[in-house]
């Protein structure tokens, strides 16, 4: 399984595969139901639908589990998250800097508090010394 953005978006490039994803996104589906639903929309053989499901599996967008003689397909959240992360990177190229900049802002605020605290302590001591002299 290759969850690279290229593999994922190549798999998403076909309307039959997008339809299959929409079906398994709602709930886990047996292979037979997926084949029947696709065949209602387009002229395609059962092996053709199986090939589309294999492409989706190889891209990490769906996973399959056996239940007796049936094969049940479901959306693979890790594959969807990989696609979402790649798209987010396009929409927000600065997101990689958000956490380090947040940490920098915290350190700057901490330094300001420390300096203010040091300034007050110094001022109180000098005021006390002046009164006792």
C-alpha atoms as a PDB file:
ATOM      1  CA  UNK A   1       0.000   0.000   0.000  1.00  0.00           C
ATOM      2  CA  UNK A   2       1.344   3.377  -1.063  1.00  0.00           C
ATOM      3  CA  UNK A   3      -0.367   6.377   0.543  1.00  0.00           C
ATOM      4  CA  UNK A   4       1.662   8.878  -1.432  1.00  0.00           C
ATOM      5  CA  UNK A   5      -0.320  11.884  -2.695  1.00  0.00           C
ATOM      6  CA  UNK A   6       0.457  10.878  -6.287  1.00  0.00           C
ATOM      7  CA  UNK A   7      -0.986   7.391  -5.795  1.00  0.00           C
ATOM      8  CA  UNK A   8      -4.020   8.681  -3.887  1.00  0.00           C
ATOM      9  CA  UNK A   9      -4.936  11.354  -6.414  1.00  0.00           C
ATOM     10  CA  UNK A  10      -4.284   9.007  -9.313  1.00  0.00           C
ATOM     11  CA  UNK A  11      -6.836   6.660  -7.736  1.00  0.00           C
ATOM     12  CA  UNK A  12      -9.287   9.530  -7.242  1.00  0.00           C
ATOM     13  CA  UNK A  13      -8.971  10.550 -10.876  1.00  0.00           C
ATOM     14  CA  UNK A  14     -11.522   7.977 -12.028  1.00  0.00           C
ATOM     15  CA  UNK A  15     -15.270   8.623 -11.550  1.00  0.00           C
ATOM     16  CA  UNK A  16     -16.011   4.939 -10.858  1.00  0.00           C
ATOM     17  CA  UNK A  17     -13.470   4.907  -8.020  1.00  0.00           C
ATOM     18  CA  UNK A  18     -14.862   8.150  -6.601  1.00  0.00           C
ATOM     19  CA  UNK A  19     -18.340   6.584  -6.656  1.00  0.00           C
ATOM     20  CA  UNK A  20     -17.014   3.492  -4.856  1.00  0.00           C
ATOM     21  CA  UNK A  21     -15.438   5.725  -2.206  1.00  0.00           C
ATOM     22  CA  UNK A  22     -18.718   7.556  -1.698  1.00  0.00           C
ATOM     23  CA  UNK A  23     -20.453   4.224  -1.159  1.00  0.00           C
ATOM     24  CA  UNK A  24     -18.000   2.913   1.420  1.00  0.00           C
ATOM     25  CA  UNK A  25     -17.815   6.299   3.144  1.00  0.00           C
ATOM     26  CA  UNK A  26     -21.431   5.855   4.232  1.00  0.00           C
ATOM     27  CA  UNK A  27     -20.832   2.357   5.644  1.00  0.00           C
ATOM     28  CA  UNK A  28     -18.911  -0.851   5.087  1.00  0.00           C
ATOM     29  CA  UNK A  29     -20.123  -2.554   1.897  1.00  0.00           C
ATOM     30  CA  UNK A  30     -19.838  -6.098   0.563  1.00  0.00           C
ATOM     31  CA  UNK A  31     -18.065  -6.407  -2.782  1.00  0.00           C
ATOM     32  CA  UNK A  32     -21.222  -7.772  -4.434  1.00  0.00           C
ATOM     33  CA  UNK A  33     -23.249  -4.685  -3.483  1.00  0.00           C
ATOM     34  CA  UNK A  34     -20.490  -2.415  -4.795  1.00  0.00           C
ATOM     35  CA  UNK A  35     -20.385  -4.289  -8.104  1.00  0.00           C
ATOM     36  CA  UNK A  36     -24.184  -4.115  -8.459  1.00  0.00           C
ATOM     37  CA  UNK A  37     -24.283  -0.373  -7.681  1.00  0.00           C
ATOM     38  CA  UNK A  38     -21.540   0.431 -10.190  1.00  0.00           C
ATOM     39  CA  UNK A  39     -23.173  -1.744 -12.849  1.00  0.00           C
ATOM     40  CA  UNK A  40     -26.395   0.240 -12.440  1.00  0.00           C
ATOM     41  CA  UNK A  41     -24.495   3.391 -13.412  1.00  0.00           C
ATOM     42  CA  UNK A  42     -22.193   2.137 -16.140  1.00  0.00           C
ATOM     43  CA  UNK A  43     -21.461  -0.883 -18.289  1.00  0.00           C
ATOM     44  CA  UNK A  44     -18.613  -2.563 -16.449  1.00  0.00           C
ATOM     45  CA  UNK A  45     -17.830  -6.182 -15.634  1.00  0.00           C
ATOM     46  CA  UNK A  46     -17.370  -7.601 -12.150  1.00  0.00           C
ATOM     47  CA  UNK A  47     -13.609  -8.020 -12.770  1.00  0.00           C
ATOM     48  CA  UNK A  48     -13.508  -4.351 -13.857  1.00  0.00           C
ATOM     49  CA  UNK A  49     -15.059  -3.228 -10.559  1.00  0.00           C
ATOM     50  CA  UNK A  50     -12.679  -5.531  -8.685  1.00  0.00           C
ATOM     51  CA  UNK A  51      -9.764  -3.841 -10.439  1.00  0.00           C
ATOM     52  CA  UNK A  52     -11.042  -0.414  -9.347  1.00  0.00           C
ATOM     53  CA  UNK A  53     -11.311  -1.685  -5.756  1.00  0.00           C
ATOM     54  CA  UNK A  54      -7.729  -2.973  -5.968  1.00  0.00           C
ATOM     55  CA  UNK A  55      -6.502   0.455  -7.096  1.00  0.00           C
ATOM     56  CA  UNK A  56      -8.293   2.054  -4.112  1.00  0.00           C
ATOM     57  CA  UNK A  57      -6.791  -0.553  -1.755  1.00  0.00           C
ATOM     58  CA  UNK A  58      -3.280  -0.071  -3.168  1.00  0.00           C
ATOM     59  CA  UNK A  59      -3.604   3.692  -2.684  1.00  0.00           C
ATOM     60  CA  UNK A  60      -4.648   3.162   0.947  1.00  0.00           C
ATOM     61  CA  UNK A  61      -8.098   4.687   0.510  1.00  0.00           C
ATOM     62  CA  UNK A  62     -10.100   1.561   1.392  1.00  0.00           C
ATOM     63  CA  UNK A  63      -9.428  -1.591   3.314  1.00  0.00           C
ATOM     64  CA  UNK A  64     -11.042  -4.991   2.960  1.00  0.00           C
ATOM     65  CA  UNK A  65     -11.837  -7.671   5.479  1.00  0.00           C
ATOM     66  CA  UNK A  66     -13.085 -11.176   4.951  1.00  0.00           C
ATOM     67  CA  UNK A  67     -16.272 -12.401   6.574  1.00  0.00           C
ATOM     68  CA  UNK A  68     -16.779 -15.984   5.501  1.00  0.00           C
ATOM     69  CA  UNK A  69     -16.849 -15.931   1.713  1.00  0.00           C
ATOM     70  CA  UNK A  70     -17.743 -12.225   1.537  1.00  0.00           C
ATOM     71  CA  UNK A  71     -15.295  -9.350   1.202  1.00  0.00           C
ATOM     72  CA  UNK A  72     -16.336  -6.173   3.007  1.00  0.00           C
ATOM     73  CA  UNK A  73     -14.899  -2.824   1.946  1.00  0.00           C
ATOM     74  CA  UNK A  74     -14.644   0.265   4.140  1.00  0.00           C
ATOM     75  CA  UNK A  75     -13.064   3.672   3.936  1.00  0.00           C
ATOM     76  CA  UNK A  76      -9.513   3.795   5.309  1.00  0.00           C
ATOM     77  CA  UNK A  77      -9.261   6.953   7.449  1.00  0.00           C
ATOM     78  CA  UNK A  78      -5.450   7.001   7.217  1.00  0.00           C
ATOM     79  CA  UNK A  79      -5.585   7.304   3.428  1.00  0.00           C
ATOM     80  CA  UNK A  80      -8.189  10.047   3.578  1.00  0.00           C
ATOM     81  CA  UNK A  81      -6.079  11.910   6.151  1.00  0.00           C
ATOM     82  CA  UNK A  82      -3.006  11.648   3.892  1.00  0.00           C
ATOM     83  CA  UNK A  83      -4.983  13.269   1.062  1.00  0.00           C
ATOM     84  CA  UNK A  84      -6.339  15.947   3.402  1.00  0.00           C
ATOM     85  CA  UNK A  85      -2.860  16.753   4.755  1.00  0.00           C
ATOM     86  CA  UNK A  86      -1.480  17.168   1.248  1.00  0.00           C
ATOM     87  CA  UNK A  87      -4.359  19.452   0.224  1.00  0.00           C
ATOM     88  CA  UNK A  88      -3.983  21.472   3.430  1.00  0.00           C
ATOM     89  CA  UNK A  89      -0.339  21.997   2.540  1.00  0.00           C
ATOM     90  CA  UNK A  90      -1.402  23.558  -0.739  1.00  0.00           C
ATOM     91  CA  UNK A  91      -3.997  25.796   0.877  1.00  0.00           C
ATOM     92  CA  UNK A  92      -1.796  26.832   3.829  1.00  0.00           C
ATOM     93  CA  UNK A  93       1.914  26.567   2.964  1.00  0.00           C
ATOM     94  CA  UNK A  94       2.864  28.308   6.234  1.00  0.00           C
ATOM     95  CA  UNK A  95       1.242  25.613   8.439  1.00  0.00           C
ATOM     96  CA  UNK A  96       4.641  23.972   8.987  1.00  0.00           C
ATOM     97  CA  UNK A  97       5.770  27.105  10.792  1.00  0.00           C
ATOM     98  CA  UNK A  98       2.708  27.469  13.050  1.00  0.00           C
ATOM     99  CA  UNK A  99       3.919  25.299  15.939  1.00  0.00           C
ATOM    100  CA  UNK A 100       7.494  26.675  16.071  1.00  0.00           C
ATOM    101  CA  UNK A 101       6.118  30.229  15.913  1.00  0.00           C
ATOM    102  CA  UNK A 102       3.662  29.468  18.723  1.00  0.00           C
ATOM    103  CA  UNK A 103       6.569  28.165  20.810  1.00  0.00           C
ATOM    104  CA  UNK A 104       8.581  31.309  20.025  1.00  0.00           C
ATOM    105  CA  UNK A 105       5.652  33.521  21.081  1.00  0.00           C
ATOM    106  CA  UNK A 106       5.405  31.613  24.372  1.00  0.00           C
ATOM    107  CA  UNK A 107       9.128  32.091  25.061  1.00  0.00           C
ATOM    108  CA  UNK A 108       8.932  35.809  24.262  1.00  0.00           C
ATOM    109  CA  UNK A 109       5.978  36.225  26.633  1.00  0.00           C
ATOM    110  CA  UNK A 110       7.827  34.272  29.331  1.00  0.00           C
ATOM    111  CA  UNK A 111      10.877  36.515  28.895  1.00  0.00           C
ATOM    112  CA  UNK A 112       8.734  39.667  29.201  1.00  0.00           C
ATOM    113  CA  UNK A 113       7.143  38.388  32.424  1.00  0.00           C
ATOM    114  CA  UNK A 114      10.558  37.560  33.839  1.00  0.00           C
ATOM    115  CA  UNK A 115      11.907  41.025  33.016  1.00  0.00           C
ATOM    116  CA  UNK A 116       8.830  42.741  34.507  1.00  0.00           C
ATOM    117  CA  UNK A 117       9.122  40.660  37.657  1.00  0.00           C
ATOM    118  CA  UNK A 118      12.827  41.533  37.974  1.00  0.00           C
ATOM    119  CA  UNK A 119      12.060  45.235  37.493  1.00  0.00           C
ATOM    120  CA  UNK A 120       9.450  45.256  40.298  1.00  0.00           C
ATOM    121  CA  UNK A 121      11.697  43.458  42.732  1.00  0.00           C
ATOM    122  CA  UNK A 122      14.525  45.875  42.036  1.00  0.00           C
ATOM    123  CA  UNK A 123      12.211  48.866  42.494  1.00  0.00           C
ATOM    124  CA  UNK A 124      10.822  47.638  45.833  1.00  0.00           C
ATOM    125  CA  UNK A 125      14.292  46.958  47.248  1.00  0.00           C
ATOM    126  CA  UNK A 126      15.591  50.385  46.247  1.00  0.00           C
ATOM    127  CA  UNK A 127      12.479  52.046  47.782  1.00  0.00           C
ATOM    128  CA  UNK A 128      12.963  50.190  51.097  1.00  0.00           C
ATOM    129  CA  UNK A 129      16.641  51.090  51.207  1.00  0.00           C
ATOM    130  CA  UNK A 130      15.844  54.746  50.696  1.00  0.00           C
ATOM    131  CA  UNK A 131      13.306  54.747  53.600  1.00  0.00           C
ATOM    132  CA  UNK A 132      15.683  53.045  56.031  1.00  0.00           C
ATOM    133  CA  UNK A 133      18.604  55.346  55.345  1.00  0.00           C
END
